[in-house]
């Protein structure tokens, strides 16, 4: 498994944990999941370009 694939899996799991539907994260709003979503998109673009 490459580093990029492992990074994508970890970021997706973190993104699911930051979704404000969970009881412990309702007060956070969409900030954490939005930031992690942007990071995930950047990593995906870098993977597709062959940088990771």
Protein backbone atom coordinates (compact mmCIF):
# COMPACT_ATOMS: atom_id res chain seq x y z
CA UNK A 1 0.00 0.00 0.00
CA UNK A 2 1.44 3.35 -0.98
CA UNK A 3 1.78 6.37 1.28
CA UNK A 4 -0.86 8.27 -0.68
CA UNK A 5 -3.45 5.53 -0.31
CA UNK A 6 -2.79 5.26 3.41
CA UNK A 7 -3.08 9.04 3.77
CA UNK A 8 -6.40 9.06 1.89
CA UNK A 9 -7.83 6.32 4.14
CA UNK A 10 -6.74 8.13 7.31
CA UNK A 11 -8.16 11.46 6.09
CA UNK A 12 -11.51 9.86 5.19
CA UNK A 13 -11.77 8.30 8.66
CA UNK A 14 -10.93 11.63 10.32
CA UNK A 15 -13.46 13.39 8.08
CA UNK A 16 -16.18 10.94 9.12
CA UNK A 17 -15.33 11.56 12.77
CA UNK A 18 -15.64 15.33 12.32
CA UNK A 19 -19.10 15.29 10.68
CA UNK A 20 -21.40 17.33 12.95
CA UNK A 21 -24.08 14.61 13.02
CA UNK A 22 -22.31 12.76 15.83
CA UNK A 23 -23.40 13.76 19.37
CA UNK A 24 -19.94 14.74 20.56
CA UNK A 25 -19.31 17.07 17.61
CA UNK A 26 -22.65 18.88 17.15
CA UNK A 27 -21.32 22.10 18.68
CA UNK A 28 -18.34 22.24 16.31
CA UNK A 29 -20.35 23.24 13.24
CA UNK A 30 -19.00 22.52 9.77
CA UNK A 31 -15.53 23.97 10.36
CA UNK A 32 -13.54 20.80 11.08
CA UNK A 33 -15.20 18.72 8.38
CA UNK A 34 -14.82 21.56 5.86
CA UNK A 35 -11.11 21.94 6.57
CA UNK A 36 -10.54 18.19 6.40
CA UNK A 37 -12.52 18.04 3.16
CA UNK A 38 -10.23 20.64 1.59
CA UNK A 39 -7.16 18.73 2.77
CA UNK A 40 -8.61 15.53 1.30
CA UNK A 41 -9.21 17.23 -2.06
CA UNK A 42 -5.67 18.62 -2.10
CA UNK A 43 -4.20 15.18 -1.35
CA UNK A 44 -6.35 13.60 -4.08
CA UNK A 45 -5.16 16.18 -6.61
CA UNK A 46 -1.54 15.62 -5.60
CA UNK A 47 -2.03 11.85 -5.92
CA UNK A 48 -3.52 12.22 -9.39
CA UNK A 49 -0.62 14.45 -10.44
CA UNK A 50 1.85 11.84 -9.16
CA UNK A 51 3.43 13.98 -6.44
CA UNK A 52 2.60 11.59 -3.59
